[in-house]
Amino acid sequence: MLAAELPVAFTTRSNWRGSFPREILCTFCRQHRLSEPVFDTLSDTMESSPDLPGSWKKLKVTESGKEEVNGGSFVVGSKEPMGSGGTFRCEVKIFSKSQDLIIQCSPKGSYKKQSDAIQNAALKILSWLSTYFNNPSMSSEKLASIGSELEIQFYPLFKEFVLCPSVHNNWKSIGTQAYRLLNYNCINEPNATLEDSVSSISIEGPGSEVTPSSGSLACISYSISLVAKDKDIRERLEGSEEFEFEIGTGAVIPCLELVVTQMCMGQSAHFKMDLPPQELILAVAGDSARTFSLLSSGCCILDYTISLLRVTEPLEDRMEQALFSPPLSKQRVEYALQHIKASCAASLVDFGCGSGSLLDSLLEYPTSLEKIVGVDISTKSLARAAKTLHSKLSTSSDVGSPSKGIKSALLYEGSITNFDSRLYGFDIGTCLEVIEHMEEDEACLFGDVVLTSFCPRILVVSTPNYEYNVILQKSALQSQEEDPDEKNQSQSCKFRNHDHKFEWTREQFGCWASDLATRHNYTVEFSGVGGVVDVEPGFASQIAVFRRVDTTLKNADSTHNYEVLWEWSQSNM
């Protein structure tokens, strides 16, 4: 409760970590003095049923967690009572203690497993309640509209029971403030002490070179204790020997994720935070009386201790590494580096730089670059990039350092679909595996903005080749033993990464790039990495290199839409 956030989707038991949605919903009802939720499951047995018209049988989940059907019962999660080939859907009702119906969820979607139908229906209600807790003053019309999307109806009595909205809102506020403070702390003053929401942040141990990135699974052990500032008293509230979550999905509170992303595997971290509302502390406490006494004794804080046990790379990286050596991600960077060297560029901007993998690689090789800039919308990713670049550039004056020629480096926070005149007319721009993370119309907008407003002399853009996915997925499945549910999920995966909004075929990418080049007076040539151009299905990552035809630049209007997150200058060394 003090570390995690509610996941946005229930997949399979093997992929779900933590309490199941049904358990969370039952706990919620008990905490708010409501009756246990009633789960009514309908089963399509593919056969005619003597009990009900058509082919659906109705199963009721009792308070004990058992299913009743045809006079018998079984525990949820045990062997399904129906024959193979059937599907299930589940309706959930929540009643007040006086048995007034206040919330009803009636999903139309069906599932092969009865347990999946139950968990997904429970998650719909939890998601709706979470939306309400984020904004308790939301109008009934808006709440009903959101409920309709989730197939939920609520009744007037719903708003009459106590929700304690301050618990969620205040905790969210503390997390956001902590996140901003940690960002500054990790970039500029790794050992500084902050007197606000987060303080005494320290990361210890040599660790390894393995660090979590967006999409990777981080497994940590953690402990959260309530500590009296002026007394040697602490009460352990929550912890886990192995707690796994996916980076970048909002699975944990922001400050916890940000600390983890600054760590290397094998390292430990320790930091303190101001208290969330007292109700949340007491809800977590094992010994409520002792905890309440400690809270009443004076000024208390939360004390976090974390160890990063292991890091599992994102599915996309695992698929690529199973088939390519060196990995496809490294091949993309090397391809960009070749063009940077050949261009004799003095200035480079990396659009959607993320954690700075390309900028970091640039510092390993001698180039003609004097100024490097990264732009990204993710502050967390920029924080990691700043930490890496700051460490390397601070030693760039050493004799023989490949990055000795770099005179300035900046990281901007902002959307690459917005123009900023400070990046106008750079020698070369790069955008590697970025546009597929945007909506398709935004990717088209970026293409127009970068060529008509930023006007780089050269632009290198890479994106996945959708036609290559079947080869990548097959290779990944052959390289590891998987749970049947996970195997089916991987085989049916549309894109390489859950965060991809689209992936283009070679024809689609070619049309997009050729049209852009024609309209904005650029030439374009196509290439790629992974695979062979003349062998189906082409390259795994397809690349377009745009070159500006007009060598003269017009004066651009002064427009600053980006925020400088980090800046380094050789003159300040």
Protein backbone atom coordinates (compact mmCIF):
# COMPACT_ATOMS: atom_id res chain seq x y z
CA MET A 1 0.00 0.00 0.00
CA LEU A 2 2.93 2.35 0.57
CA ALA A 3 4.95 1.28 -2.47
CA ALA A 4 2.68 0.15 -5.32
CA GLU A 5 0.04 1.65 -7.58
CA LEU A 6 -2.98 -0.09 -9.12
CA PRO A 7 -2.02 -1.75 -12.44
CA VAL A 8 -4.05 -0.75 -15.47
CA ALA A 9 -4.77 -4.25 -16.82
CA PHE A 10 -5.10 -7.84 -15.60
CA THR A 11 -3.39 -10.26 -17.97
CA THR A 12 -2.68 -13.76 -16.66
CA ARG A 13 -1.87 -15.16 -13.27
CA SER A 14 1.73 -15.76 -14.30
CA ASN A 15 2.16 -12.09 -15.28
CA TRP A 16 0.28 -10.51 -12.36
CA ARG A 17 2.25 -9.52 -9.28
CA GLY A 18 0.76 -8.64 -5.91
CA SER A 19 -2.78 -9.01 -4.57
CA PHE A 20 -5.35 -9.91 -7.21
CA PRO A 21 -8.06 -7.35 -8.09
CA ARG A 22 -10.78 -9.41 -6.42
CA GLU A 23 -8.83 -9.41 -3.14
CA ILE A 24 -8.21 -5.67 -3.36
CA LEU A 25 -11.89 -4.95 -4.05
CA CYS A 26 -12.99 -7.11 -1.12
CA THR A 27 -10.52 -5.29 1.15
CA PHE A 28 -11.85 -1.94 -0.08
CA CYS A 29 -15.42 -2.94 0.75
CA ARG A 30 -14.46 -4.08 4.24
CA GLN A 31 -12.54 -0.86 4.92
CA HIS A 32 -15.56 1.23 3.90
CA ARG A 33 -18.08 -0.85 5.84
CA LEU A 34 -19.80 -2.26 2.77
CA SER A 35 -21.06 -5.79 2.19
CA GLU A 36 -18.73 -8.22 0.46
CA PRO A 37 -18.97 -7.80 -3.34
CA VAL A 38 -21.10 -10.38 -5.14
CA PHE A 39 -19.58 -11.97 -8.24
CA ASP A 40 -22.06 -13.63 -10.63
CA THR A 41 -20.30 -15.67 -13.31
CA LEU A 42 -21.95 -16.75 -16.56
CA SER A 43 -20.49 -19.71 -18.42
CA ASP A 44 -20.92 -20.52 -22.10
CA THR A 45 -20.44 -24.31 -22.04
CA MET A 46 -20.90 -24.71 -25.79
CA GLU A 47 -23.69 -27.10 -24.84
CA SER A 48 -27.33 -26.68 -24.00
CA SER A 49 -27.94 -26.37 -20.27
CA PRO A 50 -31.09 -27.81 -18.60
CA ASP A 51 -30.84 -25.17 -15.87
CA LEU A 52 -30.95 -22.00 -17.95
CA PRO A 53 -32.26 -21.07 -21.41
CA GLY A 54 -29.57 -21.13 -24.12
CA SER A 55 -26.03 -22.19 -23.30
CA TRP A 56 -25.21 -20.01 -20.27
CA LYS A 57 -24.96 -21.29 -16.71
CA LYS A 58 -24.94 -18.85 -13.80
CA LEU A 59 -22.38 -19.31 -11.02
CA LYS A 60 -22.38 -17.28 -7.82
CA VAL A 61 -19.25 -16.48 -5.85
CA THR A 62 -20.11 -16.68 -2.17
CA GLU A 63 -18.48 -14.68 0.63
CA SER A 64 -16.28 -17.68 1.40
CA GLY A 65 -14.78 -17.42 -2.06
CA LYS A 66 -16.48 -20.58 -3.37
CA GLU A 67 -18.55 -21.09 -6.49
CA GLU A 68 -21.97 -22.67 -6.33
CA VAL A 69 -23.24 -24.51 -9.41
CA ASN A 70 -25.85 -27.28 -9.63
CA GLY A 71 -25.74 -27.65 -5.86
CA GLY A 72 -21.96 -28.07 -5.66
CA SER A 73 -19.13 -25.62 -4.91
CA PHE A 74 -15.46 -25.05 -5.59
CA VAL A 75 -12.83 -22.54 -4.61
CA VAL A 76 -12.01 -19.73 -7.03
CA GLY A 77 -8.83 -20.58 -8.89
CA SER A 78 -9.31 -24.32 -8.62
CA LYS A 79 -10.21 -26.59 -11.51
CA GLU A 80 -12.95 -25.05 -13.66
CA PRO A 81 -16.29 -26.88 -13.26
CA MET A 82 -17.29 -26.62 -16.91
CA GLY A 83 -16.08 -28.56 -19.91
CA SER A 84 -13.27 -27.36 -22.13
CA GLY A 85 -14.06 -24.91 -24.89
CA GLY A 86 -16.33 -22.72 -22.75
CA THR A 87 -15.94 -19.04 -21.98
CA PHE A 88 -16.85 -16.96 -18.94
CA ARG A 89 -18.00 -13.46 -18.11
CA CYS A 90 -18.62 -12.01 -14.68
CA GLU A 91 -21.02 -9.44 -13.23
CA VAL A 92 -20.11 -7.72 -9.95
CA LYS A 93 -22.49 -6.01 -7.52
CA ILE A 94 -21.59 -4.01 -4.43
CA PHE A 95 -24.19 -3.42 -1.72
CA SER A 96 -24.28 -1.24 1.36
CA LYS A 97 -24.61 -2.90 4.78
CA SER A 98 -28.37 -2.34 4.49
CA GLN A 99 -28.25 -4.27 1.19
CA ASP A 100 -28.89 -1.28 -1.07
CA LEU A 101 -27.23 -1.76 -4.47
CA ILE A 102 -24.69 1.05 -5.02
CA ILE A 103 -22.31 -0.20 -7.78
CA GLN A 104 -22.84 -2.73 -10.57
CA CYS A 105 -20.39 -3.80 -13.26
CA SER A 106 -21.70 -5.89 -16.17
CA PRO A 107 -18.86 -6.55 -18.64
CA LYS A 108 -19.73 -7.94 -22.05
CA GLY A 109 -16.27 -9.37 -22.69
CA SER A 110 -15.71 -13.09 -22.10
CA TYR A 111 -12.63 -15.08 -21.06
CA LYS A 112 -11.47 -18.66 -21.40
CA LYS A 113 -10.74 -18.85 -17.67
CA GLN A 114 -13.39 -18.14 -15.06
CA SER A 115 -10.80 -16.59 -12.76
CA ASP A 116 -9.78 -14.11 -15.49
CA ALA A 117 -13.40 -13.03 -15.92
CA ILE A 118 -13.70 -12.40 -12.17
CA GLN A 119 -10.39 -10.54 -11.86
CA ASN A 120 -11.03 -8.32 -14.89
CA ALA A 121 -14.49 -7.36 -13.65
CA ALA A 122 -13.05 -6.48 -10.23
CA LEU A 123 -10.29 -4.44 -11.86
CA LYS A 124 -12.86 -2.41 -13.83
CA ILE A 125 -14.50 -1.32 -10.57
CA LEU A 126 -11.13 -0.59 -8.95
CA SER A 127 -10.09 1.51 -11.95
CA TRP A 128 -13.34 3.45 -11.76
CA LEU A 129 -12.98 4.00 -8.01
CA SER A 130 -9.38 5.12 -8.53
CA THR A 131 -10.57 7.72 -11.05
CA TYR A 132 -13.09 8.96 -8.51
CA PHE A 133 -10.49 9.14 -5.72
CA ASN A 134 -8.28 11.25 -7.98
CA ASN A 135 -11.09 13.80 -8.24
CA PRO A 136 -13.79 13.37 -5.56
CA SER A 137 -15.47 16.62 -6.67
CA MET A 138 -16.13 15.13 -10.12
CA SER A 139 -19.68 15.71 -11.32
CA SER A 140 -22.10 12.78 -11.37
CA GLU A 141 -22.44 13.18 -15.15
CA LYS A 142 -18.68 12.83 -15.68
CA LEU A 143 -18.48 9.91 -13.26
CA ALA A 144 -21.36 8.21 -15.07
CA SER A 145 -19.66 8.76 -18.44
CA ILE A 146 -16.44 7.12 -17.22
CA GLY A 147 -18.48 4.34 -15.64
CA SER A 148 -20.27 3.73 -18.93
CA GLU A 149 -16.92 3.20 -20.69
CA LEU A 150 -16.03 0.60 -18.05
CA GLU A 151 -19.53 -0.94 -18.18
CA ILE A 152 -20.33 0.29 -14.66
CA GLN A 153 -23.51 1.75 -13.21
CA PHE A 154 -23.67 3.48 -9.83
CA TYR A 155 -26.61 4.59 -7.75
CA PRO A 156 -27.29 7.73 -5.64
CA LEU A 157 -26.24 6.02 -2.41
CA PHE A 158 -22.70 5.63 -3.78
CA LYS A 159 -21.56 9.10 -2.71
CA GLU A 160 -23.08 8.78 0.74
CA PHE A 161 -20.44 6.49 2.25
CA VAL A 162 -17.16 7.89 3.56
CA LEU A 163 -14.34 7.72 1.01
CA CYS A 164 -11.58 9.61 2.81
CA PRO A 165 -10.40 11.24 -0.46
CA SER A 166 -7.65 13.09 1.39
CA VAL A 167 -5.73 9.83 1.73
CA HIS A 168 -5.25 9.34 -2.00
CA ASN A 169 -4.87 12.97 -2.99
CA ASN A 170 -2.37 13.90 -0.29
CA TRP A 171 -0.27 10.80 -0.90
CA LYS A 172 -0.27 11.54 -4.61
CA SER A 173 0.82 15.12 -3.91
CA ILE A 174 3.68 13.94 -1.70
CA GLY A 175 4.77 11.47 -4.38
CA THR A 176 4.80 14.17 -7.06
CA GLN A 177 6.77 16.59 -4.88
CA ALA A 178 9.22 13.84 -3.95
CA TYR A 179 9.65 12.97 -7.61
CA ARG A 180 10.61 16.55 -8.51
CA LEU A 181 13.02 16.82 -5.60
CA LEU A 182 14.63 13.49 -6.42
CA ASN A 183 15.07 14.54 -10.03
CA TYR A 184 17.10 17.56 -8.98
CA ASN A 185 18.94 15.62 -6.31
CA CYS A 186 20.04 12.74 -8.53
CA ILE A 187 21.30 15.03 -11.29
CA ASN A 188 23.02 17.80 -9.39
CA GLU A 189 23.79 16.76 -5.84
CA PRO A 190 23.87 12.97 -5.40
CA ASN A 191 24.68 13.19 -1.68
CA ALA A 192 22.67 16.30 -0.79
CA THR A 193 20.15 16.47 2.06
CA LEU A 194 16.67 17.82 1.35
CA GLU A 195 14.46 19.19 4.10
CA ASP A 196 11.17 18.86 2.25
CA SER A 197 9.28 15.65 1.41
CA VAL A 198 12.36 13.54 0.66
CA SER A 199 15.68 13.64 2.47
CA SER A 200 18.92 11.77 3.15
CA ILE A 201 19.01 9.93 -0.15
CA SER A 202 21.98 7.59 -0.45
CA ILE A 203 22.86 4.81 -2.90
CA GLU A 204 25.56 2.41 -1.78
CA GLY A 205 27.53 -0.48 -3.19
CA PRO A 206 29.56 -0.96 -6.37
CA GLY A 207 26.75 -2.71 -8.19
CA SER A 208 27.14 -3.69 -11.83
CA GLU A 209 26.63 -2.07 -15.21
CA VAL A 210 23.05 -3.39 -15.35
CA THR A 211 20.49 -0.64 -14.69
CA PRO A 212 16.69 -0.65 -15.15
CA SER A 213 15.25 1.11 -18.18
CA SER A 214 11.72 1.73 -19.39
CA GLY A 215 9.96 -1.57 -19.98
CA SER A 216 12.39 -3.68 -17.96
CA LEU A 217 11.34 -5.68 -14.90
CA ALA A 218 13.04 -4.61 -11.68
CA CYS A 219 13.04 -6.99 -8.76
CA ILE A 220 13.73 -5.35 -5.40
CA SER A 221 13.62 -6.15 -1.73
CA TYR A 222 12.32 -3.26 0.32
CA SER A 223 11.32 -2.27 3.81
CA ILE A 224 9.29 0.76 4.91
CA SER A 225 9.34 1.77 8.59
CA LEU A 226 7.74 4.48 10.66
CA VAL A 227 10.46 6.33 12.55
CA ALA A 228 10.24 8.98 15.29
CA LYS A 229 12.74 11.71 14.38
CA ASP A 230 13.85 12.53 17.92
CA LYS A 231 13.65 9.01 19.38
CA ASP A 232 15.32 5.72 18.61
CA ILE A 233 11.99 4.07 17.87
CA ARG A 234 10.85 2.48 14.62
CA GLU A 235 7.90 0.35 13.55
CA ARG A 236 8.13 -1.73 10.38
CA LEU A 237 5.02 -1.12 8.29
CA GLU A 238 5.55 -2.90 4.99
CA GLY A 239 8.14 -4.81 3.04
CA SER A 240 8.91 -7.66 0.69
CA GLU A 241 11.90 -9.93 0.07
CA GLU A 242 11.13 -10.00 -3.67
CA PHE A 243 8.89 -7.37 -5.27
CA GLU A 244 8.87 -7.18 -9.08
CA PHE A 245 7.43 -4.36 -11.20
CA GLU A 246 7.77 -2.97 -14.70
CA ILE A 247 9.61 0.31 -15.09
CA GLY A 248 7.65 3.09 -16.76
CA THR A 249 4.14 1.75 -16.22
CA GLY A 250 3.32 3.64 -13.02
CA ALA A 251 3.30 0.41 -11.01
CA VAL A 252 4.89 2.06 -7.94
CA ILE A 253 4.93 5.51 -6.39
CA PRO A 254 7.06 7.97 -8.41
CA CYS A 255 9.84 8.52 -5.87
CA LEU A 256 10.42 4.77 -5.43
CA GLU A 257 10.67 4.19 -9.18
CA LEU A 258 13.00 7.13 -9.64
CA VAL A 259 15.39 5.90 -6.96
CA VAL A 260 15.39 2.40 -8.48
CA THR A 261 16.19 3.77 -11.95
CA GLN A 262 19.25 5.52 -10.52
CA MET A 263 20.55 2.23 -9.09
CA CYS A 264 22.66 -0.56 -10.54
CA MET A 265 21.94 -4.22 -9.89
CA GLY A 266 23.45 -5.18 -6.54
CA GLN A 267 23.20 -1.71 -5.01
CA SER A 268 21.15 -0.61 -2.02
CA ALA A 269 19.41 2.71 -1.44
CA HIS A 270 18.06 4.49 1.59
CA PHE A 271 15.88 7.58 1.84
CA LYS A 272 13.25 9.22 4.02
CA MET A 273 9.87 10.74 3.19
CA ASP A 274 7.27 12.84 4.93
CA LEU A 275 4.23 10.94 6.13
CA PRO A 276 1.17 10.35 4.00
CA PRO A 277 -2.20 10.88 5.76
CA GLN A 278 -2.49 9.08 9.08
CA GLU A 279 -5.37 6.92 7.80
CA LEU A 280 -3.08 5.23 5.29
CA ILE A 281 -0.39 4.54 7.90
CA LEU A 282 -2.94 2.96 10.23
CA ALA A 283 -4.41 0.90 7.39
CA VAL A 284 -0.97 -0.66 6.81
CA ALA A 285 0.01 -1.10 10.46
CA GLY A 286 0.20 -4.59 11.91
CA ASP A 287 -0.06 -3.27 15.46
CA SER A 288 -2.47 -0.34 15.22
CA ALA A 289 -2.21 0.61 18.89
CA ARG A 290 1.60 0.76 18.84
CA THR A 291 1.62 2.65 15.53
CA PHE A 292 -0.95 5.16 16.76
CA SER A 293 1.09 5.68 19.93
CA LEU A 294 4.21 6.32 17.84
CA LEU A 295 2.35 8.77 15.59
CA SER A 296 1.07 10.62 18.65
CA SER A 297 4.48 10.82 20.31
CA GLY A 298 5.90 13.44 17.99
CA CYS A 299 7.28 14.11 14.52
CA CYS A 300 7.58 10.92 12.47
CA ILE A 301 8.83 10.09 9.00
CA LEU A 302 8.84 7.10 6.65
CA ASP A 303 12.17 5.33 6.25
CA TYR A 304 12.72 3.38 2.99
CA THR A 305 15.43 0.77 2.41
CA ILE A 306 15.71 -0.80 -1.07
CA SER A 307 18.01 -3.37 -2.70
CA LEU A 308 17.97 -3.94 -6.46
CA LEU A 309 18.17 -7.72 -6.77
CA ARG A 310 17.90 -8.24 -10.53
CA VAL A 311 16.85 -6.59 -13.77
CA THR A 312 15.08 -8.36 -16.63
CA GLU A 313 15.33 -6.61 -19.96
CA PRO A 314 12.17 -5.50 -21.79
CA LEU A 315 10.49 -8.04 -24.07
CA GLU A 316 11.50 -6.05 -27.14
CA ASP A 317 15.18 -6.19 -26.16
CA ARG A 318 14.96 -9.90 -25.31
CA MET A 319 13.49 -10.64 -28.74
CA GLU A 320 16.18 -8.62 -30.50
CA GLN A 321 19.05 -10.10 -28.49
CA ALA A 322 17.83 -13.64 -29.12
CA LEU A 323 18.37 -13.14 -32.84
CA PHE A 324 21.04 -10.46 -33.30
CA SER A 325 24.63 -10.11 -32.17
CA PRO A 326 25.48 -7.38 -31.43
CA PRO A 327 21.95 -6.49 -30.22
CA LEU A 328 19.77 -4.53 -32.61
CA SER A 329 19.78 -1.51 -30.28
CA LYS A 330 23.58 -1.33 -30.50
CA GLN A 331 23.49 -1.74 -34.27
CA ARG A 332 21.15 1.27 -34.55
CA VAL A 333 23.50 3.41 -32.48
CA GLU A 334 26.51 2.32 -34.54
CA TYR A 335 24.67 3.14 -37.77
CA ALA A 336 23.92 6.66 -36.48
CA LEU A 337 27.53 7.09 -35.36
CA GLN A 338 28.80 6.25 -38.85
CA HIS A 339 26.63 8.99 -40.36
CA ILE A 340 27.65 11.47 -37.65
CA LYS A 341 31.34 10.87 -38.37
CA ALA A 342 30.86 11.04 -42.14
CA SER A 343 28.86 14.29 -41.90
CA CYS A 344 31.63 16.18 -40.06
CA ALA A 345 28.82 17.68 -37.98
CA ALA A 346 29.61 20.16 -35.21
CA SER A 347 26.15 20.10 -33.60
CA LEU A 348 23.71 17.24 -32.94
CA VAL A 349 20.20 17.03 -31.46
CA ASP A 350 18.74 13.68 -30.47
CA PHE A 351 14.93 13.88 -30.67
CA GLY A 352 13.40 11.56 -28.06
CA CYS A 353 16.76 10.87 -26.45
CA GLY A 354 15.27 8.84 -23.58
CA SER A 355 17.95 7.78 -21.11
CA GLY A 356 20.67 9.04 -23.44
CA SER A 357 21.98 5.79 -24.96
CA LEU A 358 23.02 7.51 -28.21
CA LEU A 359 24.49 10.59 -26.50
CA ASP A 360 26.37 8.33 -24.10
CA SER A 361 27.78 6.29 -27.00
CA LEU A 362 28.92 9.48 -28.74
CA LEU A 363 31.27 10.16 -25.86
CA GLU A 364 33.06 6.84 -26.46
CA TYR A 365 34.29 7.78 -29.94
CA PRO A 366 36.18 10.79 -31.32
CA THR A 367 33.94 12.89 -33.60
CA SER A 368 33.81 16.45 -34.92
CA LEU A 369 30.90 17.27 -32.59
CA GLU A 370 31.21 20.30 -30.33
CA LYS A 371 27.62 20.60 -29.10
CA ILE A 372 25.20 17.77 -28.25
CA VAL A 373 21.58 18.17 -27.19
CA GLY A 374 18.88 15.73 -26.12
CA VAL A 375 15.13 16.35 -26.03
CA ASP A 376 12.56 14.11 -24.35
CA ILE A 377 9.17 14.38 -22.70
CA SER A 378 10.12 12.01 -19.85
CA THR A 379 11.78 13.74 -16.91
CA LYS A 380 12.71 10.38 -15.40
CA SER A 381 14.58 9.31 -18.52
CA LEU A 382 16.33 12.69 -18.75
CA ALA A 383 17.42 12.36 -15.12
CA ARG A 384 19.20 9.09 -15.94
CA ALA A 385 20.74 10.61 -19.06
CA ALA A 386 22.00 13.63 -17.11
CA LYS A 387 23.62 11.47 -14.47
CA THR A 388 25.52 9.43 -17.08
CA LEU A 389 26.56 12.38 -19.24
CA HIS A 390 27.62 14.51 -16.28
CA SER A 391 29.91 11.74 -15.02
CA LYS A 392 31.61 11.23 -18.39
CA LEU A 393 31.87 14.87 -19.44
CA SER A 394 33.34 15.83 -16.09
CA THR A 395 36.41 13.75 -17.00
CA SER A 396 36.41 14.67 -20.71
CA SER A 397 39.43 16.98 -20.27
CA ASP A 398 41.60 13.96 -19.50
CA VAL A 399 44.33 13.32 -22.08
CA GLY A 400 43.09 10.89 -24.71
CA SER A 401 39.41 11.20 -23.83
CA PRO A 402 37.27 10.60 -26.97
CA SER A 403 34.78 13.28 -25.86
CA LYS A 404 37.44 15.95 -25.39
CA GLY A 405 36.07 17.97 -28.32
CA ILE A 406 32.62 18.41 -26.77
CA LYS A 407 32.27 22.02 -25.60
CA SER A 408 28.63 22.03 -24.44
CA ALA A 409 25.80 19.59 -23.71
CA LEU A 410 22.16 20.23 -22.83
CA LEU A 411 19.06 18.21 -22.02
CA TYR A 412 15.65 19.73 -22.69
CA GLU A 413 12.29 18.56 -21.38
CA GLY A 414 9.53 18.96 -23.94
CA SER A 415 7.54 17.41 -26.78
CA ILE A 416 9.39 16.92 -30.04
CA THR A 417 6.23 17.97 -31.89
CA ASN A 418 6.79 21.51 -30.57
CA PHE A 419 9.37 23.82 -32.12
CA ASP A 420 12.11 25.49 -30.07
CA SER A 421 14.30 27.99 -31.92
CA ARG A 422 17.36 27.10 -29.81
CA LEU A 423 17.62 23.89 -31.84
CA TYR A 424 17.15 25.48 -35.26
CA GLY A 425 19.52 24.55 -38.08
CA PHE A 426 21.64 21.89 -36.31
CA ASP A 427 24.04 19.93 -38.50
CA ILE A 428 22.45 16.59 -37.73
CA GLY A 429 19.35 15.31 -35.95
CA THR A 430 18.60 11.76 -34.84
CA CYS A 431 15.35 10.07 -33.88
CA LEU A 432 15.94 6.38 -33.15
CA GLU A 433 12.98 4.11 -32.32
CA VAL A 434 10.85 7.03 -31.09
CA ILE A 435 8.00 7.79 -33.49
CA GLU A 436 6.28 4.43 -32.87
CA HIS A 437 5.76 5.48 -29.23
CA MET A 438 3.61 8.39 -30.46
CA GLU A 439 0.13 8.32 -31.96
CA GLU A 440 0.37 8.00 -35.72
CA ASP A 441 -0.92 11.52 -36.35
CA GLU A 442 1.66 12.89 -33.88
CA ALA A 443 4.44 11.03 -35.72
CA CYS A 444 3.32 12.69 -38.96
CA LEU A 445 3.23 16.06 -37.18
CA PHE A 446 6.78 15.51 -35.90
CA GLY A 447 7.96 14.82 -39.44
CA ASP A 448 6.54 18.12 -40.64
CA VAL A 449 7.80 20.13 -37.66
CA VAL A 450 11.35 18.77 -37.75
CA LEU A 451 11.88 19.33 -41.49
CA THR A 452 10.04 22.62 -41.88
CA SER A 453 10.92 24.29 -38.53
CA PHE A 454 14.03 22.68 -36.98
CA CYS A 455 15.60 22.25 -40.44
CA PRO A 456 18.59 20.00 -39.58
CA ARG A 457 21.07 19.52 -42.42
CA ILE A 458 20.75 15.74 -41.95
CA LEU A 459 18.04 13.77 -40.12
CA VAL A 460 18.31 10.05 -39.27
CA VAL A 461 15.02 8.31 -38.33
CA SER A 462 14.64 4.63 -37.41
CA THR A 463 11.50 2.65 -36.57
CA PRO A 464 10.59 -1.07 -36.33
CA ASN A 465 9.69 -2.97 -39.48
CA TYR A 466 6.34 -4.54 -38.62
CA GLU A 467 6.89 -7.31 -41.16
CA TYR A 468 9.91 -8.58 -39.18
CA ASN A 469 7.95 -9.16 -35.94
CA VAL A 470 7.01 -12.76 -36.68
CA ILE A 471 10.71 -13.70 -36.93
CA LEU A 472 11.62 -11.88 -33.70
CA GLN A 473 8.78 -13.41 -31.73
CA LYS A 474 9.50 -16.91 -32.98
CA SER A 475 13.16 -16.57 -32.02
CA ALA A 476 12.28 -15.31 -28.55
CA LEU A 477 9.90 -18.21 -27.90
CA GLN A 478 12.46 -20.79 -28.99
CA SER A 479 15.12 -19.33 -26.70
CA GLN A 480 13.19 -19.76 -23.48
CA GLU A 481 10.65 -22.00 -21.80
CA GLU A 482 7.42 -20.14 -21.16
CA ASP A 483 4.14 -20.66 -19.39
CA PRO A 484 1.47 -21.62 -21.99
CA ASP A 485 -0.48 -18.45 -21.24
CA GLU A 486 2.62 -16.30 -21.71
CA LYS A 487 3.47 -18.15 -24.94
CA ASN A 488 0.01 -17.52 -26.37
CA GLN A 489 0.22 -13.91 -25.28
CA SER A 490 3.60 -13.47 -27.01
CA GLN A 491 2.39 -15.13 -30.20
CA SER A 492 -0.63 -12.86 -30.38
CA CYS A 493 1.40 -9.73 -29.56
CA LYS A 494 0.71 -7.18 -32.25
CA PHE A 495 3.71 -4.95 -31.66
CA ARG A 496 7.20 -5.45 -30.21
CA ASN A 497 6.58 -3.21 -27.23
CA HIS A 498 3.41 -2.61 -25.20
CA ASP A 499 4.03 1.12 -25.49
CA HIS A 500 4.12 1.18 -29.29
CA LYS A 501 1.10 2.97 -30.76
CA PHE A 502 1.79 1.73 -34.30
CA GLU A 503 4.44 -0.07 -36.34
CA TRP A 504 4.84 0.48 -40.07
CA THR A 505 5.56 -1.93 -42.89
CA ARG A 506 8.34 -1.03 -45.33
CA GLU A 507 5.79 0.37 -47.77
CA GLN A 508 4.10 2.54 -45.13
CA PHE A 509 7.42 3.89 -43.84
CA GLY A 510 8.61 4.56 -47.39
CA CYS A 511 5.46 6.50 -48.28
CA TRP A 512 5.70 8.60 -45.10
CA ALA A 513 9.37 9.46 -45.56
CA SER A 514 9.19 10.07 -49.32
CA ASP A 515 6.20 12.38 -48.96
CA LEU A 516 7.96 14.34 -46.20
CA ALA A 517 11.12 14.76 -48.24
CA THR A 518 9.22 15.95 -51.31
CA ARG A 519 7.13 18.51 -49.43
CA HIS A 520 10.05 20.00 -47.45
CA ASN A 521 12.82 20.05 -50.07
CA TYR A 522 14.87 17.15 -48.68
CA THR A 523 16.25 14.04 -50.32
CA VAL A 524 15.80 10.68 -48.57
CA GLU A 525 17.59 7.34 -48.75
CA PHE A 526 16.51 4.11 -47.07
CA SER A 527 18.51 1.50 -45.23
CA GLY A 528 18.32 -0.40 -41.95
CA VAL A 529 19.95 -2.79 -39.50
CA GLY A 530 19.22 -6.42 -38.72
CA GLY A 531 18.52 -8.51 -41.79
CA VAL A 532 19.32 -7.95 -45.45
CA VAL A 533 17.64 -5.44 -47.73
CA ASP A 534 16.97 -7.89 -50.59
CA VAL A 535 15.92 -10.83 -48.39
CA GLU A 536 12.36 -10.97 -47.07
CA PRO A 537 11.16 -9.42 -44.84
CA GLY A 538 13.95 -6.80 -45.11
CA PHE A 539 15.59 -5.06 -42.16
CA ALA A 540 14.35 -5.51 -38.58
CA SER A 541 14.79 -1.75 -37.99
CA GLN A 542 14.17 0.41 -41.05
CA ILE A 543 16.01 3.72 -41.36
CA ALA A 544 15.50 6.86 -43.44
CA VAL A 545 18.26 9.45 -43.85
CA PHE A 546 16.99 12.89 -44.92
CA ARG A 547 19.35 15.53 -46.39
CA ARG A 548 18.40 19.18 -46.81
CA VAL A 549 18.69 20.36 -50.43
CA ASP A 550 18.78 24.11 -49.70
CA THR A 551 22.02 24.93 -47.89
CA THR A 552 20.87 28.41 -46.82
CA LEU A 553 18.84 28.97 -43.68
CA LYS A 554 16.33 31.70 -42.95
CA ASN A 555 16.11 33.45 -39.61
CA ALA A 556 13.74 31.62 -37.28
CA ASP A 557 11.42 33.37 -34.85
CA SER A 558 12.57 33.14 -31.24
CA THR A 559 10.39 30.48 -29.63
CA HIS A 560 11.25 28.67 -26.39
CA ASN A 561 8.92 25.73 -25.71
CA TYR A 562 11.44 23.53 -23.88
CA GLU A 563 12.67 23.63 -20.30
CA VAL A 564 16.39 23.21 -19.67
CA LEU A 565 16.70 20.24 -17.34
CA TRP A 566 20.50 19.96 -17.32
CA GLU A 567 23.37 21.88 -18.89
CA TRP A 568 27.12 21.32 -19.07
CA SER A 569 29.82 23.57 -20.48
CA GLN A 570 33.53 22.92 -20.90
CA SER A 571 34.23 26.54 -19.95
CA ASN A 572 32.85 25.86 -16.45
CA MET A 573 35.20 22.94 -15.82
